[in-house]
């Protein structure tokens, strides 16, 4: 399409929830809009990711979520160690671990542009 051409035709497509979710997943993986994804697949066109939408991932938030997951892993190892030693992991260990799981999942959702 040249710079002077304008897209004026619309096409309405009905999707199942599963089909729509798959389209969104594939378009996000290709780092383009769902519209551009359908256009490139149906018209057998090549579209570089930079021509479509920029990735919608907040890398800072994603890194924060990954860091929190590492903390959770450490806490789970501590709980496992206590359980193997015959000790019961008490609230002072479990409650912070559960809180970190919730915080990490919320950070990952925000990084992906979804409100928790």
C-alpha atoms as a PDB file:
ATOM      1  CA  UNK A   1       0.000   0.000   0.000  1.00  0.00           C
ATOM      2  CA  UNK A   2       1.357   3.431  -0.870  1.00  0.00           C
ATOM      3  CA  UNK A   3       1.254   6.434   1.433  1.00  0.00           C
ATOM      4  CA  UNK A   4      -1.557   8.013  -0.627  1.00  0.00           C
ATOM      5  CA  UNK A   5      -3.816   4.942  -0.567  1.00  0.00           C
ATOM      6  CA  UNK A   6      -6.375   4.744   2.194  1.00  0.00           C
ATOM      7  CA  UNK A   7      -8.073   1.633   3.452  1.00  0.00           C
ATOM      8  CA  UNK A   8     -11.795   2.220   3.176  1.00  0.00           C
ATOM      9  CA  UNK A   9     -13.285  -1.288   3.087  1.00  0.00           C
ATOM     10  CA  UNK A  10     -14.276  -3.114   6.267  1.00  0.00           C
ATOM     11  CA  UNK A  11     -14.741  -6.815   6.835  1.00  0.00           C
ATOM     12  CA  UNK A  12     -16.577  -8.144   9.875  1.00  0.00           C
ATOM     13  CA  UNK A  13     -15.557 -11.622  10.977  1.00  0.00           C
ATOM     14  CA  UNK A  14     -17.260 -13.663  13.679  1.00  0.00           C
ATOM     15  CA  UNK A  15     -14.880 -15.574  15.949  1.00  0.00           C
ATOM     16  CA  UNK A  16     -15.322 -18.073  18.724  1.00  0.00           C
ATOM     17  CA  UNK A  17     -13.629 -17.093  21.983  1.00  0.00           C
ATOM     18  CA  UNK A  18     -10.946 -19.703  21.343  1.00  0.00           C
ATOM     19  CA  UNK A  19     -10.295 -18.465  17.802  1.00  0.00           C
ATOM     20  CA  UNK A  20     -10.144 -14.851  18.945  1.00  0.00           C
ATOM     21  CA  UNK A  21      -7.734 -15.687  21.774  1.00  0.00           C
ATOM     22  CA  UNK A  22      -5.536 -17.616  19.347  1.00  0.00           C
ATOM     23  CA  UNK A  23      -5.507 -14.660  16.936  1.00  0.00           C
ATOM     24  CA  UNK A  24      -4.508 -12.301  19.761  1.00  0.00           C
ATOM     25  CA  UNK A  25      -1.760 -14.696  20.868  1.00  0.00           C
ATOM     26  CA  UNK A  26      -0.343 -15.108  17.369  1.00  0.00           C
ATOM     27  CA  UNK A  27      -0.447 -11.377  16.646  1.00  0.00           C
ATOM     28  CA  UNK A  28       1.278 -10.573  19.944  1.00  0.00           C
ATOM     29  CA  UNK A  29       3.959 -13.168  19.214  1.00  0.00           C
ATOM     30  CA  UNK A  30       4.523 -11.571  15.800  1.00  0.00           C
ATOM     31  CA  UNK A  31       4.523  -8.145  17.490  1.00  0.00           C
ATOM     32  CA  UNK A  32       1.854  -6.797  15.136  1.00  0.00           C
ATOM     33  CA  UNK A  33      -1.797  -5.859  15.493  1.00  0.00           C
ATOM     34  CA  UNK A  34      -4.442  -8.562  15.032  1.00  0.00           C
ATOM     35  CA  UNK A  35      -5.657  -6.686  11.924  1.00  0.00           C
ATOM     36  CA  UNK A  36      -2.167  -6.690  10.412  1.00  0.00           C
ATOM     37  CA  UNK A  37      -1.795 -10.364  11.322  1.00  0.00           C
ATOM     38  CA  UNK A  38      -5.002 -11.324   9.484  1.00  0.00           C
ATOM     39  CA  UNK A  39      -4.034  -9.118   6.526  1.00  0.00           C
ATOM     40  CA  UNK A  40      -0.558 -10.644   6.202  1.00  0.00           C
ATOM     41  CA  UNK A  41      -1.823 -14.207   6.542  1.00  0.00           C
ATOM     42  CA  UNK A  42      -4.703 -13.864   4.107  1.00  0.00           C
ATOM     43  CA  UNK A  43      -2.899 -11.790   1.477  1.00  0.00           C
ATOM     44  CA  UNK A  44       0.398 -13.683   1.849  1.00  0.00           C
ATOM     45  CA  UNK A  45       2.261 -10.471   2.601  1.00  0.00           C
ATOM     46  CA  UNK A  46       5.410 -10.020   4.622  1.00  0.00           C
ATOM     47  CA  UNK A  47       5.258  -7.507   7.452  1.00  0.00           C
ATOM     48  CA  UNK A  48       8.193  -6.709   9.673  1.00  0.00           C
ATOM     49  CA  UNK A  49       7.354  -6.304  13.380  1.00  0.00           C
ATOM     50  CA  UNK A  50       8.439  -2.651  13.251  1.00  0.00           C
ATOM     51  CA  UNK A  51       5.677  -1.952  10.719  1.00  0.00           C
ATOM     52  CA  UNK A  52       3.018  -3.114  13.151  1.00  0.00           C
ATOM     53  CA  UNK A  53       2.420  -2.428  16.777  1.00  0.00           C
ATOM     54  CA  UNK A  54       5.286  -2.206  19.244  1.00  0.00           C
ATOM     55  CA  UNK A  55       5.393  -4.987  21.827  1.00  0.00           C
ATOM     56  CA  UNK A  56       2.932  -4.250  24.613  1.00  0.00           C
ATOM     57  CA  UNK A  57       5.136  -5.660  27.368  1.00  0.00           C
ATOM     58  CA  UNK A  58       6.475  -3.376  30.074  1.00  0.00           C
ATOM     59  CA  UNK A  59       9.926  -4.921  30.485  1.00  0.00           C
ATOM     60  CA  UNK A  60      10.581  -3.166  33.810  1.00  0.00           C
ATOM     61  CA  UNK A  61       7.425  -4.630  35.340  1.00  0.00           C
ATOM     62  CA  UNK A  62       8.158  -8.013  33.806  1.00  0.00           C
ATOM     63  CA  UNK A  63      11.665  -7.999  35.302  1.00  0.00           C
ATOM     64  CA  UNK A  64      10.156  -7.080  38.659  1.00  0.00           C
ATOM     65  CA  UNK A  65       7.714  -9.991  38.407  1.00  0.00           C
ATOM     66  CA  UNK A  66      10.512 -12.386  37.505  1.00  0.00           C
ATOM     67  CA  UNK A  67      12.530 -11.154  40.485  1.00  0.00           C
ATOM     68  CA  UNK A  68       9.557 -11.763  42.740  1.00  0.00           C
ATOM     69  CA  UNK A  69       9.206 -15.281  41.358  1.00  0.00           C
ATOM     70  CA  UNK A  70      12.850 -15.923  42.295  1.00  0.00           C
ATOM     71  CA  UNK A  71      12.060 -14.756  45.847  1.00  0.00           C
ATOM     72  CA  UNK A  72       9.071 -17.089  45.938  1.00  0.00           C
ATOM     73  CA  UNK A  73      11.277 -19.975  44.814  1.00  0.00           C
ATOM     74  CA  UNK A  74      13.679 -19.252  47.680  1.00  0.00           C
ATOM     75  CA  UNK A  75      10.797 -19.175  50.164  1.00  0.00           C
ATOM     76  CA  UNK A  76       9.430 -22.465  48.841  1.00  0.00           C
ATOM     77  CA  UNK A  77      12.863 -24.047  49.284  1.00  0.00           C
ATOM     78  CA  UNK A  78      12.876 -22.799  52.883  1.00  0.00           C
ATOM     79  CA  UNK A  79       9.407 -24.272  53.488  1.00  0.00           C
ATOM     80  CA  UNK A  80      10.488 -27.587  51.925  1.00  0.00           C
ATOM     81  CA  UNK A  81      13.587 -27.635  54.108  1.00  0.00           C
ATOM     82  CA  UNK A  82      11.514 -27.046  57.229  1.00  0.00           C
ATOM     83  CA  UNK A  83       9.037 -29.753  56.227  1.00  0.00           C
ATOM     84  CA  UNK A  84      11.845 -32.273  55.626  1.00  0.00           C
ATOM     85  CA  UNK A  85      13.245 -31.462  59.067  1.00  0.00           C
ATOM     86  CA  UNK A  86       9.847 -32.249  60.561  1.00  0.00           C
ATOM     87  CA  UNK A  87       9.068 -28.623  61.350  1.00  0.00           C
ATOM     88  CA  UNK A  88       5.804 -26.959  60.486  1.00  0.00           C
ATOM     89  CA  UNK A  89       6.189 -23.820  58.386  1.00  0.00           C
ATOM     90  CA  UNK A  90       4.497 -21.193  60.486  1.00  0.00           C
ATOM     91  CA  UNK A  91       2.506 -18.160  59.509  1.00  0.00           C
ATOM     92  CA  UNK A  92       5.615 -15.949  59.560  1.00  0.00           C
ATOM     93  CA  UNK A  93       6.853 -17.928  56.535  1.00  0.00           C
ATOM     94  CA  UNK A  94       3.615 -18.842  54.746  1.00  0.00           C
ATOM     95  CA  UNK A  95       1.837 -15.482  54.794  1.00  0.00           C
ATOM     96  CA  UNK A  96       4.740 -13.532  53.249  1.00  0.00           C
ATOM     97  CA  UNK A  97       5.154 -16.278  50.630  1.00  0.00           C
ATOM     98  CA  UNK A  98       1.485 -16.087  49.661  1.00  0.00           C
ATOM     99  CA  UNK A  99       1.685 -12.291  49.537  1.00  0.00           C
ATOM    100  CA  UNK A 100       4.712 -12.513  47.202  1.00  0.00           C
ATOM    101  CA  UNK A 101       2.862 -14.936  44.907  1.00  0.00           C
ATOM    102  CA  UNK A 102      -0.026 -12.464  44.612  1.00  0.00           C
ATOM    103  CA  UNK A 103       2.328  -9.509  44.044  1.00  0.00           C
ATOM    104  CA  UNK A 104       4.287 -11.402  41.380  1.00  0.00           C
ATOM    105  CA  UNK A 105       1.174 -12.461  39.506  1.00  0.00           C
ATOM    106  CA  UNK A 106      -0.177  -8.895  39.592  1.00  0.00           C
ATOM    107  CA  UNK A 107       3.169  -7.516  38.334  1.00  0.00           C
ATOM    108  CA  UNK A 108       3.195 -10.016  35.463  1.00  0.00           C
ATOM    109  CA  UNK A 109      -0.378  -9.084  34.493  1.00  0.00           C
ATOM    110  CA  UNK A 110       0.437  -5.360  34.575  1.00  0.00           C
ATOM    111  CA  UNK A 111       3.550  -6.011  32.449  1.00  0.00           C
ATOM    112  CA  UNK A 112       1.295  -7.596  29.861  1.00  0.00           C
ATOM    113  CA  UNK A 113      -1.092  -4.637  29.962  1.00  0.00           C
ATOM    114  CA  UNK A 114      -3.820  -6.381  31.940  1.00  0.00           C
ATOM    115  CA  UNK A 115      -5.291  -4.871  35.103  1.00  0.00           C
ATOM    116  CA  UNK A 116      -5.208  -7.441  37.935  1.00  0.00           C
END
